[in-house]
Amino acid sequence: MSHQSTHEVYNCGILTLSDKGSRGERVDTSGELLKEMLSGAGFVVAEYLVLPDQRLQIEKILIEWVDAKQLDLIVTTGGTGVSPSDQTPEATRAILDMEVPGISEAMRAASLEKTIQGVWSRGIAGIRKKSLIINLPGSRKAAGENLEAVLPALAHGIYKLKGGTADCAQT
C-alpha cells in the first residue's frame, strides 16, 4: 500500500556509504532493503550508488542528484555514527539549504524504543532546492526501522516542498 497522499509519483536515490562496500568486500543489504521499502511505498528508485565514506565524494553526488537529476528524495545509509570515517551528516549539512530536524528526531526516537545505542546516530535530514535528503544508519535493521518511522510522512512533505497546496491530512 502506498503512503502517498497525492497522485504524484516521486523519484528517489539511495546512496550507501561504506568503504568495504565500495571495494566489493561487503554486500549492501541496507541499500537493498531501502529499495524494497521505497518501491513498496510508491517511489521510483532512479539512482543507486555505493561510495566510500569520503566527504567530498558524498557532497558531489548529493549535489549532482539534486541539481542535475532533480531527485525528489535521497536517502543515504551509513556514515552516521561516531567512527573517524563517519562523515555523512557533515557532507549533507554542507550542501543543504535548510535542515528538517523533526525527521531525524522521529527516527532517533524510534531507534531508542529498540536500543539505547540509538543515541549514537548523528543522521540529519534537510532540503536542497526541491529535494529532501535523509541520512539513515548503515545497519540493515536500523536503516529499515528509521525509514519506517518517517515513511508515512514523506510523500506529503515532498508534495508541499514542490509547491502543493492541498492541506495536511488530519489524523
C-alpha atoms as a PDB file:
ATOM      1  CA  MET A   1       0.000   0.000   0.000  1.00  0.00           C
ATOM      2  CA  SER A   2       1.327   3.412  -0.920  1.00  0.00           C
ATOM      3  CA  HIS A   3       1.844   6.029   1.759  1.00  0.00           C
ATOM      4  CA  GLN A   4       1.484   8.823  -0.767  1.00  0.00           C
ATOM      5  CA  SER A   5      -1.386  11.194  -0.116  1.00  0.00           C
ATOM      6  CA  THR A   6      -1.355  12.595  -3.635  1.00  0.00           C
ATOM      7  CA  HIS A   7      -1.319  11.020  -7.074  1.00  0.00           C
ATOM      8  CA  GLU A   8       2.222  12.220  -7.698  1.00  0.00           C
ATOM      9  CA  VAL A   9       4.988   9.724  -8.383  1.00  0.00           C
ATOM     10  CA  TYR A  10       8.271  10.726  -6.797  1.00  0.00           C
ATOM     11  CA  ASN A  11      11.728   9.592  -7.817  1.00  0.00           C
ATOM     12  CA  CYS A  12      14.431   8.825  -5.324  1.00  0.00           C
ATOM     13  CA  GLY A  13      18.046   7.878  -4.972  1.00  0.00           C
ATOM     14  CA  ILE A  14      19.744   5.582  -2.495  1.00  0.00           C
ATOM     15  CA  LEU A  15      23.339   6.357  -1.583  1.00  0.00           C
ATOM     16  CA  THR A  16      25.170   3.761   0.506  1.00  0.00           C
ATOM     17  CA  LEU A  17      28.310   4.955   2.274  1.00  0.00           C
ATOM     18  CA  SER A  18      30.655   2.089   3.019  1.00  0.00           C
ATOM     19  CA  ASP A  19      34.390   1.802   2.485  1.00  0.00           C
ATOM     20  CA  LYS A  20      34.165  -2.005   2.371  1.00  0.00           C
ATOM     21  CA  GLY A  21      31.021  -1.953   0.211  1.00  0.00           C
ATOM     22  CA  SER A  22      32.625   0.397  -2.301  1.00  0.00           C
ATOM     23  CA  ARG A  23      35.527  -2.062  -2.666  1.00  0.00           C
ATOM     24  CA  GLY A  24      33.178  -5.028  -3.126  1.00  0.00           C
ATOM     25  CA  GLU A  25      34.161  -6.524   0.243  1.00  0.00           C
ATOM     26  CA  ARG A  26      30.646  -6.286   1.717  1.00  0.00           C
ATOM     27  CA  VAL A  27      27.184  -6.786   0.227  1.00  0.00           C
ATOM     28  CA  ASP A  28      24.950  -3.733   0.590  1.00  0.00           C
ATOM     29  CA  THR A  29      21.975  -5.257   2.401  1.00  0.00           C
ATOM     30  CA  SER A  30      20.797  -1.862   3.726  1.00  0.00           C
ATOM     31  CA  GLY A  31      20.501  -0.352   0.258  1.00  0.00           C
ATOM     32  CA  GLU A  32      18.586  -3.387  -0.980  1.00  0.00           C
ATOM     33  CA  LEU A  33      16.091  -3.129   1.894  1.00  0.00           C
ATOM     34  CA  LEU A  34      15.615   0.594   1.282  1.00  0.00           C
ATOM     35  CA  LYS A  35      14.930  -0.109  -2.423  1.00  0.00           C
ATOM     36  CA  GLU A  36      12.194  -2.572  -1.418  1.00  0.00           C
ATOM     37  CA  MET A  37      10.644  -0.237   1.143  1.00  0.00           C
ATOM     38  CA  LEU A  38      10.649   2.858  -1.066  1.00  0.00           C
ATOM     39  CA  SER A  39       9.344   0.981  -4.120  1.00  0.00           C
ATOM     40  CA  GLY A  40       6.627  -0.537  -1.954  1.00  0.00           C
ATOM     41  CA  ALA A  41       5.611   2.965  -0.852  1.00  0.00           C
ATOM     42  CA  GLY A  42       5.233   4.129  -4.458  1.00  0.00           C
ATOM     43  CA  PHE A  43       8.598   5.815  -5.010  1.00  0.00           C
ATOM     44  CA  VAL A  44      10.580   5.167  -8.198  1.00  0.00           C
ATOM     45  CA  VAL A  45      14.195   4.307  -7.382  1.00  0.00           C
ATOM     46  CA  ALA A  46      16.019   6.238 -10.121  1.00  0.00           C
ATOM     47  CA  GLU A  47      19.557   6.182  -8.705  1.00  0.00           C
ATOM     48  CA  TYR A  48      21.560   3.802  -6.551  1.00  0.00           C
ATOM     49  CA  LEU A  49      25.248   4.032  -5.716  1.00  0.00           C
ATOM     50  CA  VAL A  50      27.740   2.704  -3.176  1.00  0.00           C
ATOM     51  CA  LEU A  51      30.541   5.125  -2.263  1.00  0.00           C
ATOM     52  CA  PRO A  52      33.342   5.119   0.286  1.00  0.00           C
ATOM     53  CA  ASP A  53      32.957   7.283   3.400  1.00  0.00           C
ATOM     54  CA  GLN A  54      34.621  10.309   1.831  1.00  0.00           C
ATOM     55  CA  ARG A  55      33.022  13.676   2.456  1.00  0.00           C
ATOM     56  CA  LEU A  56      33.840  15.390  -0.851  1.00  0.00           C
ATOM     57  CA  GLN A  57      32.568  12.430  -2.909  1.00  0.00           C
ATOM     58  CA  ILE A  58      29.358  12.362  -0.862  1.00  0.00           C
ATOM     59  CA  GLU A  59      28.820  16.106  -1.355  1.00  0.00           C
ATOM     60  CA  LYS A  60      29.469  15.811  -5.109  1.00  0.00           C
ATOM     61  CA  ILE A  61      26.895  13.028  -5.608  1.00  0.00           C
ATOM     62  CA  LEU A  62      24.251  14.728  -3.439  1.00  0.00           C
ATOM     63  CA  ILE A  63      24.659  17.954  -5.429  1.00  0.00           C
ATOM     64  CA  GLU A  64      24.518  16.061  -8.751  1.00  0.00           C
ATOM     65  CA  TRP A  65      21.423  14.094  -7.744  1.00  0.00           C
ATOM     66  CA  VAL A  66      19.604  17.262  -6.644  1.00  0.00           C
ATOM     67  CA  ASP A  67      20.829  19.893  -9.097  1.00  0.00           C
ATOM     68  CA  ALA A  68      21.212  17.826 -12.284  1.00  0.00           C
ATOM     69  CA  LYS A  69      18.958  14.798 -11.798  1.00  0.00           C
ATOM     70  CA  GLN A  70      16.324  16.606  -9.708  1.00  0.00           C
ATOM     71  CA  LEU A  71      15.550  13.639  -7.479  1.00  0.00           C
ATOM     72  CA  ASP A  72      12.640  14.250  -5.126  1.00  0.00           C
ATOM     73  CA  LEU A  73      14.087  12.172  -2.280  1.00  0.00           C
ATOM     74  CA  ILE A  74      17.579  10.971  -1.476  1.00  0.00           C
ATOM     75  CA  VAL A  75      18.239   8.555   1.354  1.00  0.00           C
ATOM     76  CA  THR A  76      21.755   7.804   2.480  1.00  0.00           C
ATOM     77  CA  THR A  77      22.677   4.776   4.546  1.00  0.00           C
ATOM     78  CA  GLY A  78      25.886   4.600   6.527  1.00  0.00           C
ATOM     79  CA  GLY A  79      28.396   7.031   7.916  1.00  0.00           C
ATOM     80  CA  THR A  80      26.142   8.422  10.657  1.00  0.00           C
ATOM     81  CA  GLY A  81      27.941   7.081  13.718  1.00  0.00           C
ATOM     82  CA  VAL A  82      30.976   8.336  15.609  1.00  0.00           C
ATOM     83  CA  SER A  83      33.770   6.421  13.875  1.00  0.00           C
ATOM     84  CA  PRO A  84      36.511   8.671  12.466  1.00  0.00           C
ATOM     85  CA  SER A  85      35.382   7.843   8.903  1.00  0.00           C
ATOM     86  CA  ASP A  86      31.700   8.700   9.525  1.00  0.00           C
ATOM     87  CA  GLN A  87      31.212  11.915   7.523  1.00  0.00           C
ATOM     88  CA  THR A  88      27.696  11.628   6.073  1.00  0.00           C
ATOM     89  CA  PRO A  89      25.971  14.257   8.277  1.00  0.00           C
ATOM     90  CA  GLU A  90      28.787  16.753   7.687  1.00  0.00           C
ATOM     91  CA  ALA A  91      28.688  16.192   3.917  1.00  0.00           C
ATOM     92  CA  THR A  92      24.906  16.502   3.896  1.00  0.00           C
ATOM     93  CA  ARG A  93      24.794  19.626   6.064  1.00  0.00           C
ATOM     94  CA  ALA A  94      27.350  21.327   3.784  1.00  0.00           C
ATOM     95  CA  ILE A  95      25.032  21.184   0.755  1.00  0.00           C
ATOM     96  CA  LEU A  96      21.618  21.797   2.380  1.00  0.00           C
ATOM     97  CA  ASP A  97      19.519  24.935   2.114  1.00  0.00           C
ATOM     98  CA  MET A  98      17.733  24.077   5.370  1.00  0.00           C
ATOM     99  CA  GLU A  99      17.528  21.235   7.885  1.00  0.00           C
ATOM    100  CA  VAL A 100      14.321  19.459   8.859  1.00  0.00           C
ATOM    101  CA  PRO A 101      15.100  18.316  12.407  1.00  0.00           C
ATOM    102  CA  GLY A 102      11.723  16.667  13.023  1.00  0.00           C
ATOM    103  CA  ILE A 103      12.612  13.833  10.642  1.00  0.00           C
ATOM    104  CA  SER A 104      15.862  12.932  12.382  1.00  0.00           C
ATOM    105  CA  GLU A 105      14.228  13.417  15.798  1.00  0.00           C
ATOM    106  CA  ALA A 106      11.458  10.957  14.859  1.00  0.00           C
ATOM    107  CA  MET A 107      13.995   8.434  13.586  1.00  0.00           C
ATOM    108  CA  ARG A 108      16.116   8.633  16.736  1.00  0.00           C
ATOM    109  CA  ALA A 109      13.022   8.331  18.919  1.00  0.00           C
ATOM    110  CA  ALA A 110      12.055   5.149  17.045  1.00  0.00           C
ATOM    111  CA  SER A 111      15.589   3.787  17.441  1.00  0.00           C
ATOM    112  CA  LEU A 112      15.614   4.499  21.163  1.00  0.00           C
ATOM    113  CA  GLU A 113      12.466   2.408  21.588  1.00  0.00           C
ATOM    114  CA  LYS A 114      14.542  -0.560  20.346  1.00  0.00           C
ATOM    115  CA  THR A 115      18.049   0.123  21.708  1.00  0.00           C
ATOM    116  CA  ILE A 116      19.913   2.675  23.792  1.00  0.00           C
ATOM    117  CA  GLN A 117      22.618   2.602  21.083  1.00  0.00           C
ATOM    118  CA  GLY A 118      20.326   4.876  19.041  1.00  0.00           C
ATOM    119  CA  VAL A 119      21.861   7.784  20.967  1.00  0.00           C
ATOM    120  CA  TRP A 120      24.955   7.448  18.760  1.00  0.00           C
ATOM    121  CA  SER A 121      23.172   8.112  15.470  1.00  0.00           C
ATOM    122  CA  ARG A 122      24.041  11.534  14.062  1.00  0.00           C
ATOM    123  CA  GLY A 123      21.972  11.400  10.878  1.00  0.00           C
ATOM    124  CA  ILE A 124      20.283  14.590   9.732  1.00  0.00           C
ATOM    125  CA  ALA A 125      17.529  15.439   7.254  1.00  0.00           C
ATOM    126  CA  GLY A 126      17.064  18.508   5.164  1.00  0.00           C
ATOM    127  CA  ILE A 127      16.208  20.206   1.911  1.00  0.00           C
ATOM    128  CA  ARG A 128      18.298  21.312  -1.019  1.00  0.00           C
ATOM    129  CA  LYS A 129      16.247  23.151  -3.647  1.00  0.00           C
ATOM    130  CA  LYS A 130      13.150  20.930  -4.004  1.00  0.00           C
ATOM    131  CA  SER A 131      14.742  17.678  -2.820  1.00  0.00           C
ATOM    132  CA  LEU A 132      14.563  16.023   0.586  1.00  0.00           C
ATOM    133  CA  ILE A 133      17.719  14.287   1.831  1.00  0.00           C
ATOM    134  CA  ILE A 134      17.631  11.892   4.785  1.00  0.00           C
ATOM    135  CA  ASN A 135      20.618  10.201   6.462  1.00  0.00           C
ATOM    136  CA  LEU A 136      19.863   6.682   7.704  1.00  0.00           C
ATOM    137  CA  PRO A 137      22.109   4.402   9.768  1.00  0.00           C
ATOM    138  CA  GLY A 138      24.243   1.838   7.981  1.00  0.00           C
ATOM    139  CA  SER A 139      22.937  -1.360   9.531  1.00  0.00           C
ATOM    140  CA  ARG A 140      20.107  -3.034   7.607  1.00  0.00           C
ATOM    141  CA  LYS A 141      17.938  -3.344  10.724  1.00  0.00           C
ATOM    142  CA  ALA A 142      18.431   0.264  11.880  1.00  0.00           C
ATOM    143  CA  ALA A 143      18.078   1.710   8.367  1.00  0.00           C
ATOM    144  CA  GLY A 144      14.759  -0.090   7.895  1.00  0.00           C
ATOM    145  CA  GLU A 145      13.440   0.904  11.325  1.00  0.00           C
ATOM    146  CA  ASN A 146      14.423   4.537  10.814  1.00  0.00           C
ATOM    147  CA  LEU A 147      12.865   4.774   7.352  1.00  0.00           C
ATOM    148  CA  GLU A 148       9.719   3.015   8.587  1.00  0.00           C
ATOM    149  CA  ALA A 149       9.369   5.678  11.310  1.00  0.00           C
ATOM    150  CA  VAL A 150       9.097   8.543   8.803  1.00  0.00           C
ATOM    151  CA  LEU A 151       7.987   6.922   5.544  1.00  0.00           C
ATOM    152  CA  PRO A 152       4.263   7.715   6.008  1.00  0.00           C
ATOM    153  CA  ALA A 153       5.069  11.448   6.137  1.00  0.00           C
ATOM    154  CA  LEU A 154       7.448  11.687   3.185  1.00  0.00           C
ATOM    155  CA  ALA A 155       5.166  11.877   0.143  1.00  0.00           C
ATOM    156  CA  HIS A 156       3.044  14.677   1.577  1.00  0.00           C
ATOM    157  CA  GLY A 157       6.111  16.606   2.702  1.00  0.00           C
ATOM    158  CA  ILE A 158       7.682  16.320  -0.758  1.00  0.00           C
ATOM    159  CA  TYR A 159       4.369  17.403  -2.296  1.00  0.00           C
ATOM    160  CA  LYS A 160       4.381  20.549  -0.121  1.00  0.00           C
ATOM    161  CA  LEU A 161       8.075  21.166  -0.849  1.00  0.00           C
ATOM    162  CA  LYS A 162       7.281  21.172  -4.563  1.00  0.00           C
ATOM    163  CA  GLY A 163       4.533  23.748  -4.080  1.00  0.00           C
ATOM    164  CA  GLY A 164       1.475  21.556  -3.499  1.00  0.00           C
ATOM    165  CA  THR A 165      -1.400  23.463  -1.961  1.00  0.00           C
ATOM    166  CA  ALA A 166      -3.613  20.706  -0.509  1.00  0.00           C
ATOM    167  CA  ASP A 167      -3.985  20.869   3.261  1.00  0.00           C
ATOM    168  CA  CYS A 168      -2.198  18.397   5.507  1.00  0.00           C
ATOM    169  CA  ALA A 169      -4.462  15.459   6.368  1.00  0.00           C
ATOM    170  CA  GLN A 170      -5.770  15.398   9.909  1.00  0.00           C
ATOM    171  CA  THR A 171      -5.329  12.009  11.559  1.00  0.00           C
END
